[in-house]
Each structure stands twice: as structure tokens, then as C-alpha cells.
């Protein structure tokens, strides 16, 4: 799946992007920490696209960040590509959210 994100955000550990302001079919990605409520510890990273049915913990195996897009590689072989369609400041916040949620282990630049 691939879409041009027209809006994005990152707050309270949760991040995401969508093409809600566009005219194409609606798409989105959402990510953030999954916590073990009993122990209040982070147990992984939740990632979802287009519907909760497409959501799971630790399903992202790699994230590639380029100048104009981000590619999320999923455990099942799917690739979700989010292209920048917004101002630099908003895109930068999205990228910071990715870094915060996923960390250096699976993020690759270029």
C-alpha cells in the first residue's frame, strides 16, 4: 500500500499520518507503544494501517526513512509507503515520532 500523507502528528507517544485532506481513497498509519497494563511497562510497538484488523504489536521489521517518504516493512512481507504531502515542520514531527517509537534497531536512513 502507498499513499501521500496530507496530515500527520505525534503526541503522548502515539504517531500517525493519513491522507484525510486528499481526494484519493482514505489511508492511514498509526503507531505507538504497547504497554503491559498490569506492570505498566512497554511491551512492544503497536502498528496499524487502514483498520484495526491490520493492527498488531511488533509487526514492523524495518523502517526506511528517505527525504520524501517512509517505508514500513511488515513481518508478513507487506510494505506500507507513506509519501510526504505536507509542510516540513509537520513531516519532521512524524519522523521524530517514528524515531521515538521504533528506535535505532530497525530504522534505516536513505
N, C-alpha and C. Protein backbone atom coordinates (compact mmCIF):
# COMPACT_ATOMS: atom_id res chain seq x y z
N UNK A 1 0.84 -1.18 0.00
CA UNK A 1 0.00 0.00 0.00
C UNK A 1 0.88 1.24 0.00
N UNK A 2 0.43 2.26 -0.66
CA UNK A 2 1.18 3.52 -0.73
C UNK A 2 0.19 4.68 -0.78
N UNK A 3 0.52 5.75 -0.05
CA UNK A 3 -0.33 6.95 -0.10
C UNK A 3 0.49 8.18 0.20
N UNK A 4 -0.06 9.34 -0.19
CA UNK A 4 0.56 10.63 0.11
C UNK A 4 -0.13 11.18 1.35
N UNK A 5 0.65 11.36 2.41
CA UNK A 5 0.11 11.86 3.67
C UNK A 5 -0.08 13.37 3.59
N UNK A 6 -1.28 13.81 3.91
CA UNK A 6 -1.59 15.24 3.91
C UNK A 6 -1.63 15.80 5.33
N UNK A 7 -1.58 14.90 6.31
CA UNK A 7 -1.53 15.33 7.71
C UNK A 7 -0.84 14.25 8.53
N UNK A 8 -0.21 14.67 9.59
CA UNK A 8 0.44 13.72 10.49
C UNK A 8 0.54 14.35 11.87
N UNK A 9 0.87 13.51 12.84
CA UNK A 9 1.02 14.03 14.19
C UNK A 9 1.75 13.06 15.07
N UNK A 10 2.19 13.57 16.20
CA UNK A 10 2.83 12.75 17.22
C UNK A 10 2.61 13.42 18.55
N UNK A 11 1.94 12.73 19.46
CA UNK A 11 1.68 13.27 20.80
C UNK A 11 1.47 12.12 21.78
N UNK A 12 1.98 12.30 22.99
CA UNK A 12 1.82 11.31 24.05
C UNK A 12 2.25 9.91 23.62
N UNK A 13 3.31 9.84 22.82
CA UNK A 13 3.86 8.55 22.39
C UNK A 13 3.19 7.93 21.19
N UNK A 14 2.06 8.47 20.75
CA UNK A 14 1.34 7.93 19.60
C UNK A 14 1.59 8.80 18.37
N UNK A 15 1.82 8.17 17.23
CA UNK A 15 2.05 8.90 16.00
C UNK A 15 1.22 8.33 14.88
N UNK A 16 1.12 9.11 13.81
CA UNK A 16 0.38 8.63 12.67
C UNK A 16 0.37 9.62 11.54
N UNK A 17 -0.13 9.16 10.41
CA UNK A 17 -0.26 10.00 9.22
C UNK A 17 -1.43 9.48 8.40
N UNK A 18 -2.07 10.39 7.67
CA UNK A 18 -3.19 9.98 6.82
C UNK A 18 -3.26 10.90 5.60
N UNK A 19 -4.10 10.49 4.67
CA UNK A 19 -4.36 11.33 3.51
C UNK A 19 -5.77 11.92 3.60
N UNK A 20 -6.23 12.19 4.80
CA UNK A 20 -7.59 12.68 5.03
C UNK A 20 -7.91 13.96 4.27
N UNK A 21 -6.91 14.81 4.04
CA UNK A 21 -7.16 16.06 3.32
C UNK A 21 -7.04 15.87 1.81
N UNK A 22 -6.77 14.68 1.35
CA UNK A 22 -6.63 14.40 -0.07
C UNK A 22 -7.94 13.95 -0.68
N UNK A 23 -7.89 13.62 -1.96
CA UNK A 23 -9.09 13.21 -2.68
C UNK A 23 -9.08 11.72 -3.02
N UNK A 24 -7.98 11.04 -2.74
CA UNK A 24 -7.87 9.61 -3.05
C UNK A 24 -8.56 8.77 -1.98
N UNK A 25 -8.56 7.47 -2.17
CA UNK A 25 -9.09 6.57 -1.15
C UNK A 25 -8.37 6.84 0.17
N UNK A 26 -9.12 6.75 1.27
CA UNK A 26 -8.58 7.08 2.58
C UNK A 26 -7.62 5.99 3.06
N UNK A 27 -6.43 6.41 3.52
CA UNK A 27 -5.44 5.52 4.11
C UNK A 27 -4.82 6.19 5.33
N UNK A 28 -4.34 5.39 6.26
CA UNK A 28 -3.63 5.94 7.41
C UNK A 28 -2.69 4.89 8.00
N UNK A 29 -1.73 5.38 8.78
CA UNK A 29 -0.90 4.54 9.64
C UNK A 29 -0.97 5.13 11.04
N UNK A 30 -0.86 4.27 12.04
CA UNK A 30 -0.90 4.66 13.44
C UNK A 30 0.10 3.78 14.18
N UNK A 31 0.87 4.36 15.09
CA UNK A 31 1.85 3.58 15.83
C UNK A 31 2.10 4.18 17.20
N UNK A 32 2.57 3.34 18.10
CA UNK A 32 2.91 3.81 19.43
C UNK A 32 3.20 2.63 20.35
N UNK A 33 3.62 2.93 21.56
CA UNK A 33 3.99 1.86 22.48
C UNK A 33 2.79 1.04 22.91
N UNK A 34 3.00 -0.25 23.01
CA UNK A 34 2.02 -1.14 23.59
C UNK A 34 2.51 -1.43 25.00
N UNK A 35 1.69 -1.23 25.99
CA UNK A 35 2.15 -1.39 27.37
C UNK A 35 1.44 -2.55 28.06
N UNK A 36 2.17 -3.19 28.92
CA UNK A 36 1.63 -4.22 29.79
C UNK A 36 0.97 -3.47 30.95
N UNK A 37 -0.35 -3.39 30.92
CA UNK A 37 -1.06 -2.57 31.91
C UNK A 37 -0.85 -3.07 33.34
N UNK A 38 -0.70 -4.36 33.49
CA UNK A 38 -0.51 -4.93 34.83
C UNK A 38 0.80 -4.44 35.44
N UNK A 39 1.84 -4.34 34.63
CA UNK A 39 3.15 -3.92 35.13
C UNK A 39 3.55 -2.52 34.69
N UNK A 40 2.69 -1.86 33.91
CA UNK A 40 2.94 -0.50 33.40
C UNK A 40 4.28 -0.41 32.68
N UNK A 41 4.62 -1.46 31.94
CA UNK A 41 5.86 -1.48 31.19
C UNK A 41 5.56 -1.55 29.70
N UNK A 42 6.45 -0.99 28.92
CA UNK A 42 6.33 -1.06 27.48
C UNK A 42 6.62 -2.49 27.04
N UNK A 43 5.70 -3.08 26.26
CA UNK A 43 5.89 -4.46 25.85
C UNK A 43 6.14 -4.61 24.35
N UNK A 44 6.15 -3.52 23.62
CA UNK A 44 6.38 -3.56 22.18
C UNK A 44 5.83 -2.31 21.52
N UNK A 45 5.81 -2.32 20.19
CA UNK A 45 5.29 -1.20 19.42
C UNK A 45 4.08 -1.68 18.63
N UNK A 46 2.95 -1.00 18.84
CA UNK A 46 1.73 -1.28 18.10
C UNK A 46 1.78 -0.52 16.78
N UNK A 47 1.40 -1.18 15.68
CA UNK A 47 1.33 -0.54 14.36
C UNK A 47 0.03 -0.97 13.69
N UNK A 48 -0.64 0.00 13.09
CA UNK A 48 -1.92 -0.26 12.44
C UNK A 48 -1.99 0.54 11.15
N UNK A 49 -2.61 -0.05 10.12
CA UNK A 49 -2.88 0.72 8.91
C UNK A 49 -4.29 0.41 8.42
N UNK A 50 -5.00 1.44 8.06
CA UNK A 50 -6.33 1.40 7.44
C UNK A 50 -7.47 0.80 8.25
N UNK A 51 -7.21 0.01 9.28
CA UNK A 51 -8.28 -0.56 10.09
C UNK A 51 -7.63 -1.35 11.23
N UNK A 52 -8.33 -1.49 12.34
CA UNK A 52 -7.78 -2.25 13.46
C UNK A 52 -7.49 -3.69 13.09
N UNK A 53 -8.17 -4.21 12.09
CA UNK A 53 -7.90 -5.58 11.65
C UNK A 53 -6.47 -5.72 11.13
N UNK A 54 -5.87 -4.60 10.71
CA UNK A 54 -4.49 -4.57 10.22
C UNK A 54 -3.54 -4.05 11.29
N UNK A 55 -3.84 -4.30 12.54
CA UNK A 55 -3.01 -3.82 13.64
C UNK A 55 -2.42 -4.97 14.43
N UNK A 56 -1.17 -4.78 14.87
CA UNK A 56 -0.51 -5.81 15.67
C UNK A 56 0.68 -5.20 16.40
N UNK A 57 1.14 -5.88 17.42
CA UNK A 57 2.31 -5.46 18.18
C UNK A 57 3.55 -6.09 17.55
N UNK A 58 4.57 -5.28 17.40
CA UNK A 58 5.87 -5.71 16.87
C UNK A 58 5.78 -6.37 15.50
N UNK A 59 4.89 -5.87 14.64
CA UNK A 59 4.75 -6.42 13.29
C UNK A 59 5.66 -5.70 12.29
N UNK A 60 6.26 -4.57 12.68
CA UNK A 60 7.17 -3.84 11.80
C UNK A 60 8.58 -4.37 12.01
N UNK A 61 9.19 -4.85 10.90
CA UNK A 61 10.53 -5.42 10.99
C UNK A 61 11.61 -4.43 10.55
N UNK A 62 11.23 -3.43 9.75
CA UNK A 62 12.19 -2.41 9.29
C UNK A 62 11.44 -1.16 8.90
N UNK A 63 12.09 -0.01 9.13
CA UNK A 63 11.56 1.28 8.71
C UNK A 63 12.67 1.98 7.93
N UNK A 64 12.38 2.35 6.69
CA UNK A 64 13.34 3.07 5.86
C UNK A 64 12.86 4.51 5.72
N UNK A 65 13.69 5.46 6.12
CA UNK A 65 13.33 6.87 6.05
C UNK A 65 14.14 7.52 4.94
N UNK A 66 13.45 8.06 3.95
CA UNK A 66 14.06 8.81 2.86
C UNK A 66 13.61 10.27 2.98
N UNK A 67 14.10 11.11 2.12
CA UNK A 67 13.77 12.53 2.19
C UNK A 67 12.28 12.80 2.00
N UNK A 68 11.64 12.05 1.11
CA UNK A 68 10.25 12.34 0.76
C UNK A 68 9.28 11.22 1.09
N UNK A 69 9.73 10.16 1.76
CA UNK A 69 8.81 9.08 2.13
C UNK A 69 9.40 8.21 3.24
N UNK A 70 8.51 7.43 3.83
CA UNK A 70 8.89 6.44 4.85
C UNK A 70 8.27 5.12 4.41
N UNK A 71 9.05 4.05 4.53
CA UNK A 71 8.57 2.73 4.18
C UNK A 71 8.60 1.84 5.43
N UNK A 72 7.46 1.26 5.75
CA UNK A 72 7.34 0.33 6.87
C UNK A 72 7.28 -1.09 6.29
N UNK A 73 8.23 -1.92 6.65
CA UNK A 73 8.25 -3.32 6.21
C UNK A 73 7.64 -4.15 7.33
N UNK A 74 6.62 -4.94 6.98
CA UNK A 74 5.90 -5.72 7.99
C UNK A 74 6.36 -7.17 8.00
N UNK A 75 6.16 -7.82 9.10
CA UNK A 75 6.57 -9.20 9.30
C UNK A 75 6.02 -10.13 8.22
N UNK A 76 4.82 -9.84 7.71
CA UNK A 76 4.20 -10.71 6.70
C UNK A 76 4.64 -10.38 5.28
N UNK A 77 5.63 -9.48 5.14
CA UNK A 77 6.15 -9.13 3.82
C UNK A 77 5.51 -7.90 3.18
N UNK A 78 4.42 -7.40 3.74
CA UNK A 78 3.80 -6.20 3.19
C UNK A 78 4.69 -4.99 3.42
N UNK A 79 4.56 -4.02 2.54
CA UNK A 79 5.28 -2.76 2.68
C UNK A 79 4.26 -1.63 2.61
N UNK A 80 4.31 -0.74 3.60
CA UNK A 80 3.44 0.43 3.64
C UNK A 80 4.33 1.64 3.39
N UNK A 81 4.06 2.39 2.31
CA UNK A 81 4.86 3.56 1.97
C UNK A 81 4.02 4.81 2.19
N UNK A 82 4.56 5.71 3.00
CA UNK A 82 3.91 6.98 3.31
C UNK A 82 4.75 8.08 2.67
N UNK A 83 4.19 8.77 1.68
CA UNK A 83 4.90 9.86 1.00
C UNK A 83 4.53 11.19 1.62
N UNK A 84 5.51 12.09 1.66
CA UNK A 84 5.29 13.41 2.27
C UNK A 84 4.44 14.28 1.35
N UNK A 85 3.37 14.81 1.89
CA UNK A 85 2.50 15.73 1.18
C UNK A 85 2.09 16.87 2.10
N UNK A 86 3.01 17.27 2.98
CA UNK A 86 2.71 18.30 3.98
C UNK A 86 3.94 19.16 4.22
N UNK A 87 3.77 20.19 5.03
CA UNK A 87 4.89 21.09 5.35
C UNK A 87 5.99 20.36 6.10
N UNK A 88 7.21 20.87 5.96
CA UNK A 88 8.38 20.26 6.59
C UNK A 88 8.22 20.11 8.09
N UNK A 89 7.66 21.11 8.77
CA UNK A 89 7.55 21.05 10.23
C UNK A 89 6.65 19.89 10.66
N UNK A 90 5.57 19.68 9.96
CA UNK A 90 4.66 18.58 10.31
C UNK A 90 5.32 17.23 9.98
N UNK A 91 5.98 17.14 8.85
CA UNK A 91 6.68 15.91 8.46
C UNK A 91 7.79 15.59 9.46
N UNK A 92 8.51 16.60 9.92
CA UNK A 92 9.58 16.41 10.89
C UNK A 92 9.04 15.83 12.20
N UNK A 93 7.87 16.27 12.62
CA UNK A 93 7.24 15.72 13.81
C UNK A 93 6.90 14.25 13.64
N UNK A 94 6.42 13.88 12.46
CA UNK A 94 6.12 12.49 12.14
C UNK A 94 7.39 11.65 12.22
N UNK A 95 8.48 12.16 11.66
CA UNK A 95 9.76 11.43 11.69
C UNK A 95 10.29 11.28 13.11
N UNK A 96 10.13 12.32 13.94
CA UNK A 96 10.54 12.22 15.35
C UNK A 96 9.73 11.15 16.06
N UNK A 97 8.45 11.08 15.74
CA UNK A 97 7.59 10.06 16.34
C UNK A 97 8.02 8.66 15.96
N UNK A 98 8.41 8.47 14.71
CA UNK A 98 8.90 7.17 14.26
C UNK A 98 10.15 6.80 15.03
N UNK A 99 11.07 7.76 15.15
CA UNK A 99 12.32 7.51 15.88
C UNK A 99 12.03 7.15 17.33
N UNK A 100 11.12 7.87 17.96
CA UNK A 100 10.79 7.62 19.36
C UNK A 100 10.14 6.26 19.55
N UNK A 101 9.24 5.89 18.64
CA UNK A 101 8.51 4.64 18.79
C UNK A 101 9.34 3.41 18.45
N UNK A 102 10.09 3.48 17.35
CA UNK A 102 10.76 2.28 16.84
C UNK A 102 12.24 2.18 17.23
N UNK A 103 12.91 3.29 17.45
CA UNK A 103 14.31 3.25 17.85
C UNK A 103 15.26 2.90 16.71
N UNK A 104 16.52 2.90 17.03
CA UNK A 104 17.58 2.71 16.02
C UNK A 104 17.70 1.30 15.49
N UNK A 105 17.21 0.32 16.19
CA UNK A 105 17.42 -1.07 15.80
C UNK A 105 16.83 -1.41 14.44
N UNK A 106 15.66 -0.85 14.10
CA UNK A 106 15.04 -1.21 12.83
C UNK A 106 14.93 -0.07 11.84
N UNK A 107 15.36 1.13 12.23
CA UNK A 107 15.27 2.29 11.34
C UNK A 107 16.54 2.42 10.50
N UNK A 108 16.33 2.63 9.20
CA UNK A 108 17.43 2.82 8.27
C UNK A 108 17.18 4.11 7.49
N UNK A 109 18.19 4.91 7.30
CA UNK A 109 18.06 6.17 6.54
C UNK A 109 18.52 5.93 5.11
N UNK A 110 17.88 6.67 4.21
CA UNK A 110 18.33 6.62 2.82
C UNK A 110 17.34 6.12 1.94
